[in-house]
Amino acid sequence: MAKNSEAREYEIKGHKLSCPICGNTLFYARKTLLNTRGATFFGLDWANKNADNYICENCGHILWFSEEAFSE
């Protein structure tokens, strides 16, 4: 992870995140582009949706959430 990022606790729709592997509650956050073959073929990767990732500070397990997970 970037040296300026700090692991912290996160909550998704009122639920505190915890790692399903080790039970840790500290995560690094990042966004990841969800590429599709069609968009990549036409050079339109920028038009794909994003996913939010939370990386466990202890074991490195990655939790993925689509943009729809945060819409009300």
C-alpha atoms as a PDB file:
ATOM      1  CA  MET A   1       0.000   0.000   0.000  1.00  0.00           C
ATOM      2  CA  ALA A   2       1.039   3.593  -0.426  1.00  0.00           C
ATOM      3  CA  LYS A   3       3.188   4.912   2.395  1.00  0.00           C
ATOM      4  CA  ASN A   4       0.723   7.723   3.103  1.00  0.00           C
ATOM      5  CA  SER A   5      -2.278   5.400   3.512  1.00  0.00           C
ATOM      6  CA  GLU A   6      -3.251   4.290   6.969  1.00  0.00           C
ATOM      7  CA  ALA A   7      -5.224   1.239   7.964  1.00  0.00           C
ATOM      8  CA  ARG A   8      -8.447   2.075   9.799  1.00  0.00           C
ATOM      9  CA  GLU A   9     -11.879   0.684  10.644  1.00  0.00           C
ATOM     10  CA  TYR A  10     -14.663   0.916   8.047  1.00  0.00           C
ATOM     11  CA  GLU A  11     -18.414   0.493   8.087  1.00  0.00           C
ATOM     12  CA  ILE A  12     -20.627  -0.593   5.165  1.00  0.00           C
ATOM     13  CA  LYS A  13     -24.361   0.152   5.493  1.00  0.00           C
ATOM     14  CA  GLY A  14     -24.119   0.160   9.286  1.00  0.00           C
ATOM     15  CA  HIS A  15     -21.999  -2.999   9.573  1.00  0.00           C
ATOM     16  CA  LYS A  16     -18.442  -2.807  10.869  1.00  0.00           C
ATOM     17  CA  LEU A  17     -16.041  -4.618   8.535  1.00  0.00           C
ATOM     18  CA  SER A  18     -14.047  -7.503   9.919  1.00  0.00           C
ATOM     19  CA  CYS A  19     -11.816  -9.866   8.003  1.00  0.00           C
ATOM     20  CA  PRO A  20     -13.454 -13.273   7.416  1.00  0.00           C
ATOM     21  CA  ILE A  21     -10.015 -14.914   7.519  1.00  0.00           C
ATOM     22  CA  CYS A  22      -8.336 -13.491  10.646  1.00  0.00           C
ATOM     23  CA  GLY A  23     -11.028 -11.333  12.298  1.00  0.00           C
ATOM     24  CA  ASN A  24      -8.960  -8.132  12.069  1.00  0.00           C
ATOM     25  CA  THR A  25     -10.893  -4.835  11.813  1.00  0.00           C
ATOM     26  CA  LEU A  26      -8.210  -2.578  10.282  1.00  0.00           C
ATOM     27  CA  PHE A  27      -8.223  -2.158   6.501  1.00  0.00           C
ATOM     28  CA  TYR A  28      -6.594  -0.132   3.739  1.00  0.00           C
ATOM     29  CA  ALA A  29      -9.067   1.231   1.171  1.00  0.00           C
ATOM     30  CA  ARG A  30      -8.680   1.596  -2.601  1.00  0.00           C
ATOM     31  CA  LYS A  31     -10.777   1.724  -5.764  1.00  0.00           C
ATOM     32  CA  THR A  32     -10.349  -0.806  -8.563  1.00  0.00           C
ATOM     33  CA  LEU A  33     -11.575  -0.522 -12.135  1.00  0.00           C
ATOM     34  CA  LEU A  34     -13.821  -3.422 -13.180  1.00  0.00           C
ATOM     35  CA  ASN A  35     -12.701  -3.990 -16.757  1.00  0.00           C
ATOM     36  CA  THR A  36     -14.930  -5.659 -19.323  1.00  0.00           C
ATOM     37  CA  ARG A  37     -13.736  -7.293 -22.539  1.00  0.00           C
ATOM     38  CA  GLY A  38     -15.916  -5.097 -24.732  1.00  0.00           C
ATOM     39  CA  ALA A  39     -14.753  -1.802 -23.260  1.00  0.00           C
ATOM     40  CA  THR A  40     -11.117  -2.950 -23.331  1.00  0.00           C
ATOM     41  CA  PHE A  41     -11.430  -4.047 -26.972  1.00  0.00           C
ATOM     42  CA  PHE A  42     -12.658  -0.574 -27.956  1.00  0.00           C
ATOM     43  CA  GLY A  43     -10.176   1.256 -25.695  1.00  0.00           C
ATOM     44  CA  LEU A  44     -12.929   2.439 -23.345  1.00  0.00           C
ATOM     45  CA  ASP A  45     -11.620   1.046 -20.057  1.00  0.00           C
ATOM     46  CA  TRP A  46     -12.242   4.428 -18.412  1.00  0.00           C
ATOM     47  CA  ALA A  47     -15.999   3.905 -18.914  1.00  0.00           C
ATOM     48  CA  ASN A  48     -16.134   0.778 -16.729  1.00  0.00           C
ATOM     49  CA  LYS A  49     -17.510   0.805 -13.191  1.00  0.00           C
ATOM     50  CA  ASN A  50     -15.362   0.918 -10.063  1.00  0.00           C
ATOM     51  CA  ALA A  51     -15.314  -1.353  -7.051  1.00  0.00           C
ATOM     52  CA  ASP A  52     -14.261  -0.425  -3.531  1.00  0.00           C
ATOM     53  CA  ASN A  53     -11.644  -2.730  -2.038  1.00  0.00           C
ATOM     54  CA  TYR A  54     -10.733  -3.098   1.601  1.00  0.00           C
ATOM     55  CA  ILE A  55      -7.433  -4.880   2.242  1.00  0.00           C
ATOM     56  CA  CYS A  56      -6.913  -6.461   5.655  1.00  0.00           C
ATOM     57  CA  GLU A  57      -3.954  -4.850   7.385  1.00  0.00           C
ATOM     58  CA  ASN A  58      -3.102  -8.144   9.100  1.00  0.00           C
ATOM     59  CA  CYS A  59      -3.404 -10.930   6.485  1.00  0.00           C
ATOM     60  CA  GLY A  60      -3.934  -9.070   3.184  1.00  0.00           C
ATOM     61  CA  HIS A  61      -7.343 -10.604   2.377  1.00  0.00           C
ATOM     62  CA  ILE A  62      -9.263  -8.306   0.009  1.00  0.00           C
ATOM     63  CA  LEU A  63     -12.969  -7.541   0.381  1.00  0.00           C
ATOM     64  CA  TRP A  64     -14.705  -6.265  -2.793  1.00  0.00           C
ATOM     65  CA  PHE A  65     -17.830  -4.080  -2.906  1.00  0.00           C
ATOM     66  CA  SER A  66     -19.568  -2.838  -6.032  1.00  0.00           C
ATOM     67  CA  GLU A  67     -20.688   0.773  -6.352  1.00  0.00           C
ATOM     68  CA  GLU A  68     -24.271  -0.422  -5.903  1.00  0.00           C
ATOM     69  CA  ALA A  69     -23.436  -1.564  -2.349  1.00  0.00           C
ATOM     70  CA  PHE A  70     -23.250   2.073  -1.290  1.00  0.00           C
ATOM     71  CA  SER A  71     -26.320   3.441  -3.060  1.00  0.00           C
ATOM     72  CA  GLU A  72     -29.356   4.055  -0.900  1.00  0.00           C
END
